[in-house]
Amino acid sequence: MSDEEMERIVFRPLVYSGRGFYALVVLLSGLTLLGVYAYITQLSQGLIVTGMNDEVIWGIYITNFVFFIGISHAGTLISAILRLTKAEWRRPITRMAEAITVFALIVGGSMILIDMGRPDRIQNVIFFGRMQSAILWDFLSIATYLTGSFIYLYLPLIPDLARLRDKLKNVSRFKMWIYRKFSLNWKDTPEQKRRLELGIGIMAVLIVPIAVSVHTVVSWIFGMTTRAGWHSTIFGPYFVVGAIFSGIASVIIAMAILRKAYGLEKFLKPKHFKYLGLMLLTLNIAYLYFTLSEYLTTGYSGPEAEALLLEQIFGGSYATYFWIFAVFGIIIPAFILAIPKTRTIGGIVVASVMVNLGMWIKRFIITVPSLAVPQVGLEWGMYSPTWVEWAITLGAFSAFSLLFLLFSKFFPLISIWEVKEAPATSDEVSE
């Protein structure tokens, strides 16, 4: 593919916007504003407008928090590990994965503030936090992760911003200001390339342990309590594997949508879906192993509270949620991804959607039932999300989609300079 054709395909979404784009922006903005209205209602009336109570103190806000922090592993771990292992096929997908990371962290981090009845008291964590608290560890790790992810997204953008600065003419002054300002006077000299590659390499090495530590710390918030279902040493790796699992699924879904919407078939080829599908299958098997290990060891020799919890999860009030997760989120996707005839682009995308739905439900199963287990007495805690919680959740997913959509209209989704500099022997480039 010539440079001119490559630029024409990648730059086109930045210059032209059809009616569908504006309609989608209006829809997503409206749903986001609905979530804002619901949050204003919650702020004015208090958490009484939610389904949370003295027993079940966490609900779908924390479910959303763990889910979004999970899919944030899409960019850092997928992109960074593939970059470090010199997997050349990853070049067209890295930017989409890295953007997912940043936007997922922004939305996921906001869930903590939304879950607080007094969000103004977040300053107490900053000024009076205690190092013994896993909450402080979580705050510091997410802040570090978000900062590192911004840098990791920005550095590979610099050469493409310079290309946009020099070659795009019919764009708004605001866009051109962004391209000029943030291209940092890039001249594509050998010394600039050397420094950029060094910076990206350093960030790729750093971002992997940071990303692993983030979801490990998130798991410790649960695992360092003595509640039934949470007090487990397996939660650290269990959460990390689940995060990469849902992160890969998110990248596949984003690739499929953008490939169709922006005509990126020459960049996002069937092989990219196949490779990511095989990675998803590997993580599927690993997550199934951790799930079996968690429930088997707990059910075999756990205390009475653990037994009560498993009864409710497998055959009681939460059984519907669990079996939807197990069948539609784990088992069926595994078969779709394992059978060559169904391991097509469409099949892989369907499996990815099922995985993410199942993983959201799994985060709900982790969060709510353990809080509902009776601590004193025999009555189970009750939790039913209200319209406020559902509206905020819908707004959160809409805001995530809106951020990604707007990003696609300001910055190229394909890293042109990386694709262009791929080795000539790479089958992904030569096809």
Protein backbone atom coordinates (compact mmCIF):
# COMPACT_ATOMS: atom_id res chain seq x y z
CA MET A 1 0.00 0.00 0.00
CA SER A 2 1.40 3.39 -0.98
CA ASP A 3 1.81 6.22 1.51
CA GLU A 4 -0.81 8.28 -0.32
CA GLU A 5 -3.43 5.54 -0.17
CA MET A 6 -2.63 4.86 3.47
CA GLU A 7 -3.05 8.51 4.39
CA ARG A 8 -6.23 8.84 2.36
CA ILE A 9 -7.90 5.98 4.25
CA VAL A 10 -6.68 6.95 7.71
CA PHE A 11 -7.17 10.71 7.36
CA ARG A 12 -10.63 10.57 5.82
CA PRO A 13 -12.53 10.26 9.17
CA LEU A 14 -10.67 13.35 10.41
CA VAL A 15 -11.88 15.49 7.53
CA TYR A 16 -15.34 14.21 6.62
CA SER A 17 -18.22 13.52 9.00
CA GLY A 18 -21.50 12.09 7.76
CA ARG A 19 -24.95 12.44 9.27
CA GLY A 20 -24.53 9.14 11.08
CA PHE A 21 -21.60 10.53 13.06
CA TYR A 22 -23.53 13.57 14.26
CA ALA A 23 -26.60 11.47 15.06
CA LEU A 24 -24.49 9.12 17.15
CA VAL A 25 -22.82 12.05 18.94
CA VAL A 26 -26.25 13.49 19.79
CA LEU A 27 -27.51 10.10 21.03
CA LEU A 28 -24.47 9.38 23.18
CA SER A 29 -24.43 12.94 24.52
CA GLY A 30 -28.09 12.65 25.48
CA LEU A 31 -27.55 9.39 27.32
CA THR A 32 -24.50 10.84 29.05
CA LEU A 33 -26.55 13.85 30.15
CA LEU A 34 -29.22 11.48 31.46
CA GLY A 35 -26.52 9.95 33.65
CA VAL A 36 -25.45 13.44 34.76
CA TYR A 37 -29.05 14.28 35.67
CA ALA A 38 -29.34 11.07 37.68
CA TYR A 39 -26.11 11.90 39.51
CA ILE A 40 -27.33 15.41 40.29
CA THR A 41 -30.45 13.80 41.74
CA GLN A 42 -28.27 11.53 43.86
CA LEU A 43 -26.13 14.45 45.04
CA SER A 44 -29.16 16.49 46.05
CA GLN A 45 -31.06 13.69 47.80
CA GLY A 46 -28.28 11.40 48.94
CA LEU A 47 -27.64 7.70 48.46
CA ILE A 48 -31.20 7.02 49.62
CA VAL A 49 -32.17 7.21 45.92
CA THR A 50 -30.02 4.12 45.24
CA GLY A 51 -30.69 0.52 46.19
CA MET A 52 -27.69 0.41 48.53
CA ASN A 53 -28.32 0.09 52.24
CA ASP A 54 -26.70 -0.74 55.58
CA GLU A 55 -26.05 -4.35 54.54
CA VAL A 56 -25.27 -4.09 50.82
CA ILE A 57 -23.11 -0.98 50.78
CA TRP A 58 -21.75 -1.52 47.26
CA GLY A 59 -23.75 -2.13 44.10
CA ILE A 60 -23.44 -1.61 40.38
CA TYR A 61 -21.22 1.46 40.80
CA ILE A 62 -18.43 -0.74 42.14
CA THR A 63 -19.35 -3.36 39.53
CA ASN A 64 -18.80 -0.70 36.86
CA PHE A 65 -15.58 0.42 38.54
CA VAL A 66 -14.03 -3.06 38.48
CA PHE A 67 -15.30 -3.67 34.93
CA PHE A 68 -13.87 -0.46 33.45
CA ILE A 69 -10.57 -0.83 35.28
CA GLY A 70 -10.50 -4.33 33.81
CA ILE A 71 -10.98 -3.35 30.19
CA SER A 72 -8.37 -0.64 30.65
CA HIS A 73 -5.83 -3.45 30.43
CA ALA A 74 -6.63 -3.59 26.72
CA GLY A 75 -4.00 -1.09 25.69
CA THR A 76 -1.24 -1.34 28.23
CA LEU A 77 -0.91 -5.09 28.44
CA ILE A 78 -1.88 -6.01 24.88
CA SER A 79 -0.01 -3.19 23.20
CA ALA A 80 2.99 -3.16 25.53
CA ILE A 81 3.54 -6.91 25.65
CA LEU A 82 3.13 -7.27 21.89
CA ARG A 83 5.51 -4.36 21.38
CA LEU A 84 8.11 -5.84 23.72
CA THR A 85 7.85 -9.24 22.05
CA LYS A 86 8.18 -7.56 18.63
CA ALA A 87 4.92 -8.98 17.30
CA GLU A 88 4.73 -7.04 14.04
CA TRP A 89 1.04 -7.79 13.42
CA ARG A 90 0.07 -5.60 16.35
CA ARG A 91 1.01 -2.32 14.61
CA PRO A 92 -2.46 -1.36 13.24
CA ILE A 93 -4.30 -2.10 16.50
CA THR A 94 -2.09 -0.55 19.17
CA ARG A 95 -3.58 2.95 19.10
CA MET A 96 -7.15 1.74 19.49
CA ALA A 97 -6.11 -0.43 22.41
CA GLU A 98 -4.21 2.40 24.08
CA ALA A 99 -7.16 4.80 23.66
CA ILE A 100 -9.49 2.26 25.25
CA THR A 101 -7.16 2.16 28.25
CA VAL A 102 -7.25 5.91 28.85
CA PHE A 103 -11.01 6.34 28.43
CA ALA A 104 -11.83 3.26 30.50
CA LEU A 105 -9.66 4.60 33.33
CA ILE A 106 -11.36 8.01 33.19
CA VAL A 107 -14.84 6.50 33.37
CA GLY A 108 -13.89 3.74 35.82
CA GLY A 109 -12.18 6.16 38.19
CA SER A 110 -15.25 8.39 38.20
CA MET A 111 -17.32 5.46 39.52
CA ILE A 112 -15.55 5.75 42.86
CA LEU A 113 -16.60 9.38 43.22
CA ILE A 114 -20.15 8.53 42.16
CA ASP A 115 -20.31 5.72 44.72
CA MET A 116 -19.41 8.14 47.52
CA GLY A 117 -22.25 9.87 49.30
CA ARG A 118 -19.92 12.82 49.95
CA PRO A 119 -17.54 13.02 46.96
CA ASP A 120 -15.96 16.15 48.44
CA ARG A 121 -14.37 13.93 51.05
CA ILE A 122 -12.07 12.37 48.46
CA GLN A 123 -9.60 15.03 49.60
CA ASN A 124 -9.30 13.15 52.89
CA VAL A 125 -7.73 10.24 51.02
CA ILE A 126 -5.17 12.62 49.55
CA PHE A 127 -4.33 14.64 52.66
CA PHE A 128 -5.03 12.18 55.47
CA GLY A 129 -4.72 8.78 53.83
CA ARG A 130 -3.04 5.99 55.77
CA MET A 131 -0.58 3.66 54.10
CA GLN A 132 -2.25 0.73 55.88
CA SER A 133 -5.37 1.30 53.80
CA ALA A 134 -5.87 -0.59 50.53
CA ILE A 135 -8.13 2.30 49.45
CA LEU A 136 -5.10 4.63 49.41
CA TRP A 137 -3.08 2.04 47.47
CA ASP A 138 -5.89 1.89 44.94
CA PHE A 139 -6.02 5.68 44.59
CA LEU A 140 -2.26 5.93 44.04
CA SER A 141 -2.07 3.00 41.61
CA ILE A 142 -4.94 4.24 39.43
CA ALA A 143 -3.54 7.79 39.36
CA THR A 144 -0.13 6.41 38.33
CA TYR A 145 -1.70 4.11 35.77
CA LEU A 146 -3.77 6.91 34.21
CA THR A 147 -0.73 9.18 33.97
CA GLY A 148 1.41 6.45 32.43
CA SER A 149 -1.34 5.47 29.99
CA PHE A 150 -1.72 9.08 28.81
CA ILE A 151 2.02 9.22 28.11
CA TYR A 152 1.98 5.81 26.44
CA LEU A 153 -0.88 6.91 24.18
CA TYR A 154 0.68 10.29 23.40
CA LEU A 155 4.25 9.33 22.51
CA PRO A 156 3.40 7.21 19.43
CA LEU A 157 0.97 9.94 18.33
CA ILE A 158 3.69 12.56 17.85
CA PRO A 159 4.91 11.53 14.35
CA ASP A 160 1.33 11.22 13.10
CA LEU A 161 0.39 14.60 14.54
CA ALA A 162 3.28 16.11 12.59
CA ARG A 163 2.06 14.35 9.46
CA LEU A 164 -1.42 15.82 10.01
CA ARG A 165 0.12 19.24 10.65
CA ASP A 166 1.95 19.17 7.33
CA LYS A 167 -0.59 17.50 5.07
CA LEU A 168 -4.11 18.36 6.21
CA LYS A 169 -5.49 21.64 4.93
CA ASN A 170 -9.29 21.60 5.11
CA VAL A 171 -9.68 21.15 8.86
CA SER A 172 -10.77 23.53 11.60
CA ARG A 173 -8.34 25.95 13.20
CA PHE A 174 -8.81 24.16 16.51
CA LYS A 175 -7.70 20.84 15.05
CA MET A 176 -4.75 22.45 13.32
CA TRP A 177 -3.75 24.14 16.58
CA ILE A 178 -3.77 20.75 18.30
CA TYR A 179 -1.64 19.20 15.58
CA ARG A 180 0.89 22.04 15.65
CA LYS A 181 1.03 22.33 19.42
CA PHE A 182 1.35 18.67 20.28
CA SER A 183 3.55 17.51 17.43
CA LEU A 184 6.40 19.17 19.37
CA ASN A 185 8.18 20.46 16.27
CA TRP A 186 8.67 16.91 15.00
CA LYS A 187 10.96 16.86 11.95
CA ASP A 188 11.36 13.09 11.57
CA THR A 189 15.12 13.29 12.08
CA PRO A 190 17.11 10.17 13.07
CA GLU A 191 17.84 11.64 16.50
CA GLN A 192 14.16 12.38 17.13
CA LYS A 193 13.27 8.85 16.05
CA ARG A 194 15.89 7.38 18.37
CA ARG A 195 14.61 9.37 21.34
CA LEU A 196 11.00 8.54 20.56
CA GLU A 197 11.69 4.81 20.28
CA LEU A 198 13.62 4.98 23.55
CA GLY A 199 10.75 6.75 25.30
CA ILE A 200 8.15 4.33 23.97
CA GLY A 201 10.33 1.38 24.94
CA ILE A 202 10.76 2.67 28.50
CA MET A 203 7.02 3.26 28.85
CA ALA A 204 6.23 -0.19 27.46
CA VAL A 205 8.46 -1.76 30.11
CA LEU A 206 7.04 0.38 32.93
CA ILE A 207 3.37 0.16 32.02
CA VAL A 208 3.14 -3.64 32.29
CA PRO A 209 3.94 -3.92 36.05
CA ILE A 210 1.89 -0.77 36.71
CA ALA A 211 -1.14 -2.30 34.99
CA VAL A 212 -0.73 -5.60 36.84
CA SER A 213 -0.40 -3.78 40.16
CA VAL A 214 -3.59 -1.78 39.54
CA HIS A 215 -5.94 -4.71 39.23
CA THR A 216 -4.06 -6.57 41.94
CA VAL A 217 -4.69 -3.67 44.31
CA VAL A 218 -8.34 -3.55 43.22
CA SER A 219 -8.61 -7.23 44.16
CA TRP A 220 -6.97 -6.57 47.54
CA ILE A 221 -9.77 -4.16 48.43
CA PHE A 222 -11.99 -7.23 48.38
CA GLY A 223 -9.53 -9.93 49.42
CA MET A 224 -8.14 -8.19 52.51
CA THR A 225 -11.50 -8.30 54.24
CA THR A 226 -12.89 -11.32 56.07
CA ARG A 227 -16.19 -11.42 54.18
CA ALA A 228 -17.39 -14.68 52.70
CA GLY A 229 -16.41 -14.99 49.05
CA TRP A 230 -13.76 -12.30 49.22
CA HIS A 231 -11.12 -13.47 51.67
CA SER A 232 -9.00 -15.37 49.16
CA THR A 233 -5.35 -15.33 48.12
CA ILE A 234 -6.32 -16.16 44.55
CA PHE A 235 -8.05 -12.84 43.95
CA GLY A 236 -4.92 -11.02 42.73
CA PRO A 237 -4.10 -13.20 39.70
CA TYR A 238 -7.82 -13.96 39.24
CA PHE A 239 -8.61 -10.27 38.77
CA VAL A 240 -5.60 -9.65 36.51
CA VAL A 241 -6.49 -12.54 34.20
CA GLY A 242 -10.11 -11.37 34.12
CA ALA A 243 -8.98 -7.85 33.27
CA ILE A 244 -6.88 -8.97 30.31
CA PHE A 245 -9.73 -11.27 29.25
CA SER A 246 -12.30 -8.48 29.06
CA GLY A 247 -9.69 -6.06 27.70
CA ILE A 248 -8.98 -8.23 24.67
CA ALA A 249 -12.73 -8.61 24.08
CA SER A 250 -13.12 -4.81 24.16
CA VAL A 251 -10.35 -4.31 21.59
CA ILE A 252 -11.98 -6.83 19.26
CA ILE A 253 -15.37 -5.11 19.53
CA ALA A 254 -13.84 -1.68 18.90
CA MET A 255 -11.85 -3.01 15.92
CA ALA A 256 -14.96 -4.51 14.33
CA ILE A 257 -17.03 -1.33 14.73
CA LEU A 258 -14.34 1.03 13.47
CA ARG A 259 -13.31 -1.29 10.66
CA LYS A 260 -16.86 -1.20 9.31
CA ALA A 261 -17.58 2.47 10.04
CA TYR A 262 -14.35 3.93 8.67
CA GLY A 263 -13.46 1.40 5.98
CA LEU A 264 -10.26 0.17 7.62
CA GLU A 265 -10.37 -3.32 6.08
CA LYS A 266 -6.93 -2.85 4.51
CA PHE A 267 -5.42 -2.34 7.96
CA LEU A 268 -7.59 -4.46 10.26
CA LYS A 269 -7.43 -7.77 8.47
CA PRO A 270 -8.92 -11.19 9.33
CA LYS A 271 -5.54 -12.21 10.76
CA HIS A 272 -5.75 -9.53 13.43
CA PHE A 273 -9.10 -10.88 14.57
CA LYS A 274 -7.82 -14.44 14.43
CA TYR A 275 -4.74 -13.68 16.53
CA LEU A 276 -6.74 -11.73 19.12
CA GLY A 277 -9.39 -14.47 19.06
CA LEU A 278 -6.77 -17.07 19.94
CA MET A 279 -5.49 -14.82 22.73
CA LEU A 280 -9.07 -14.47 23.96
CA LEU A 281 -9.50 -18.25 23.93
CA THR A 282 -6.31 -18.68 25.96
CA LEU A 283 -7.52 -16.17 28.56
CA ASN A 284 -10.95 -17.83 28.50
CA ILE A 285 -9.42 -21.15 29.52
CA ALA A 286 -7.26 -19.46 32.17
CA TYR A 287 -10.27 -17.62 33.63
CA LEU A 288 -12.31 -20.84 33.67
CA TYR A 289 -9.48 -22.49 35.61
CA PHE A 290 -9.40 -19.68 38.19
CA THR A 291 -13.18 -19.75 38.52
CA LEU A 292 -13.25 -23.50 39.14
CA SER A 293 -10.37 -23.18 41.60
CA GLU A 294 -12.13 -20.38 43.50
CA TYR A 295 -15.45 -22.16 43.93
CA LEU A 296 -14.07 -25.67 44.39
CA THR A 297 -11.71 -24.81 47.25
CA THR A 298 -14.30 -22.57 48.89
CA GLY A 299 -17.12 -25.09 48.60
CA TYR A 300 -15.04 -28.10 49.70
CA SER A 301 -13.72 -26.86 53.01
CA GLY A 302 -15.04 -23.33 53.52
CA PRO A 303 -16.83 -22.11 56.67
CA GLU A 304 -20.60 -21.96 57.00
CA ALA A 305 -20.90 -18.44 55.59
CA GLU A 306 -19.04 -19.52 52.44
CA ALA A 307 -21.38 -22.49 52.03
CA LEU A 308 -24.42 -20.22 52.37
CA LEU A 309 -22.97 -17.89 49.76
CA LEU A 310 -22.32 -20.67 47.25
CA GLU A 311 -25.86 -22.01 47.74
CA GLN A 312 -27.26 -18.62 46.80
CA ILE A 313 -24.91 -18.24 43.83
CA PHE A 314 -25.42 -21.70 42.37
CA GLY A 315 -29.09 -22.30 43.10
CA GLY A 316 -30.56 -19.36 45.00
CA SER A 317 -31.21 -15.67 44.49
CA TYR A 318 -28.10 -15.09 42.37
CA ALA A 319 -28.18 -18.33 40.36
CA THR A 320 -29.59 -16.68 37.23
CA TYR A 321 -26.73 -14.20 37.17
CA PHE A 322 -24.11 -16.89 37.75
CA TRP A 323 -25.33 -19.30 35.08
CA ILE A 324 -25.68 -16.52 32.51
CA PHE A 325 -22.06 -15.64 33.25
CA ALA A 326 -20.89 -19.26 33.16
CA VAL A 327 -22.76 -20.39 30.05
CA PHE A 328 -22.90 -17.26 27.92
CA GLY A 329 -19.76 -15.53 29.20
CA ILE A 330 -17.37 -18.49 29.39
CA ILE A 331 -18.53 -21.78 27.88
CA ILE A 332 -20.22 -20.69 24.62
CA PRO A 333 -17.47 -18.17 23.72
CA ALA A 334 -14.88 -20.89 24.30
CA PHE A 335 -16.57 -23.18 21.79
CA ILE A 336 -16.99 -20.35 19.26
CA LEU A 337 -13.30 -19.46 19.52
CA ALA A 338 -12.05 -23.06 19.57
CA ILE A 339 -13.88 -24.29 16.44
CA PRO A 340 -12.21 -23.10 13.20
CA LYS A 341 -15.52 -22.83 11.32
CA THR A 342 -16.93 -20.36 13.86
CA ARG A 343 -13.64 -18.54 14.42
CA THR A 344 -14.53 -15.96 11.78
CA ILE A 345 -14.60 -12.19 12.25
CA GLY A 346 -18.32 -12.34 13.02
CA GLY A 347 -17.95 -15.28 15.39
CA ILE A 348 -15.03 -13.69 17.24
CA VAL A 349 -16.96 -10.44 17.66
CA VAL A 350 -20.06 -12.27 18.96
CA ALA A 351 -17.86 -14.19 21.42
CA SER A 352 -16.27 -10.91 22.56
CA VAL A 353 -19.64 -9.29 23.21
CA MET A 354 -20.73 -12.34 25.21
CA VAL A 355 -17.46 -12.28 27.16
CA ASN A 356 -17.85 -8.64 28.18
CA LEU A 357 -21.48 -9.11 29.15
CA GLY A 358 -20.51 -12.14 31.19
CA MET A 359 -17.59 -10.35 32.82
CA TRP A 360 -19.80 -7.43 33.89
CA ILE A 361 -22.20 -9.92 35.49
CA LYS A 362 -19.27 -11.71 37.14
CA ARG A 363 -18.13 -8.43 38.72
CA PHE A 364 -21.70 -8.02 40.03
CA ILE A 365 -21.60 -11.57 41.47
CA ILE A 366 -18.30 -10.81 43.19
CA THR A 367 -19.55 -7.53 44.66
CA VAL A 368 -23.15 -7.93 45.82
CA PRO A 369 -23.75 -11.49 47.16
CA SER A 370 -20.82 -11.37 49.59
CA LEU A 371 -22.24 -8.19 51.13
CA ALA A 372 -25.70 -9.78 51.33
CA VAL A 373 -24.49 -12.75 53.41
CA PRO A 374 -25.91 -12.38 56.96
CA GLN A 375 -23.26 -11.18 59.40
CA VAL A 376 -25.56 -11.07 62.42
CA GLY A 377 -28.84 -12.96 62.46
CA LEU A 378 -30.32 -14.98 59.61
CA GLU A 379 -31.73 -12.42 57.20
CA TRP A 380 -29.98 -11.84 53.89
CA GLY A 381 -29.30 -8.32 52.74
CA MET A 382 -31.41 -7.13 49.83
CA TYR A 383 -30.25 -5.05 46.90
CA SER A 384 -32.15 -3.87 43.84
CA PRO A 385 -30.64 -1.09 41.68
CA THR A 386 -32.86 1.95 41.17
CA TRP A 387 -33.38 4.01 38.03
CA VAL A 388 -30.70 6.40 39.27
CA GLU A 389 -28.06 3.66 39.30
CA TRP A 390 -29.10 2.29 35.93
CA ALA A 391 -29.18 5.78 34.39
CA ILE A 392 -25.69 6.55 35.70
CA THR A 393 -24.46 3.19 34.40
CA LEU A 394 -25.95 3.87 30.97
CA GLY A 395 -24.41 7.34 31.08
CA ALA A 396 -21.01 5.86 31.96
CA PHE A 397 -20.99 3.47 29.00
CA SER A 398 -22.26 6.26 26.74
CA ALA A 399 -19.54 8.63 27.96
CA PHE A 400 -16.89 5.98 27.28
CA SER A 401 -18.23 5.46 23.74
CA LEU A 402 -18.51 9.23 23.17
CA LEU A 403 -14.91 9.84 24.22
CA PHE A 404 -13.70 7.14 21.86
CA LEU A 405 -15.87 8.47 19.03
CA LEU A 406 -14.57 12.02 19.45
CA PHE A 407 -11.00 10.74 19.66
CA SER A 408 -11.49 9.08 16.26
CA LYS A 409 -12.42 12.44 14.72
CA PHE A 410 -9.33 14.25 16.01
CA PHE A 411 -6.59 11.64 15.82
CA PRO A 412 -5.79 8.79 13.41
CA LEU A 413 -6.90 5.41 14.74
CA ILE A 414 -4.09 3.68 12.88
CA SER A 415 -0.49 4.50 13.79
CA ILE A 416 0.67 5.38 10.28
CA TRP A 417 4.34 5.69 11.04
CA GLU A 418 4.42 2.32 12.81
CA VAL A 419 2.59 0.55 9.99
CA LYS A 420 4.81 2.26 7.43
CA GLU A 421 8.00 1.22 9.24
CA ALA A 422 6.97 -2.41 9.65
CA PRO A 423 9.57 -4.85 8.28
CA ALA A 424 9.02 -5.67 4.64
CA THR A 425 9.01 -9.36 5.50
CA SER A 426 5.95 -8.94 7.71
CA ASP A 427 3.03 -10.78 6.15
CA GLU A 428 0.69 -8.25 7.68
CA VAL A 429 2.26 -5.47 5.64
CA SER A 430 2.85 -7.35 2.44
CA GLU A 431 -0.65 -8.83 2.11
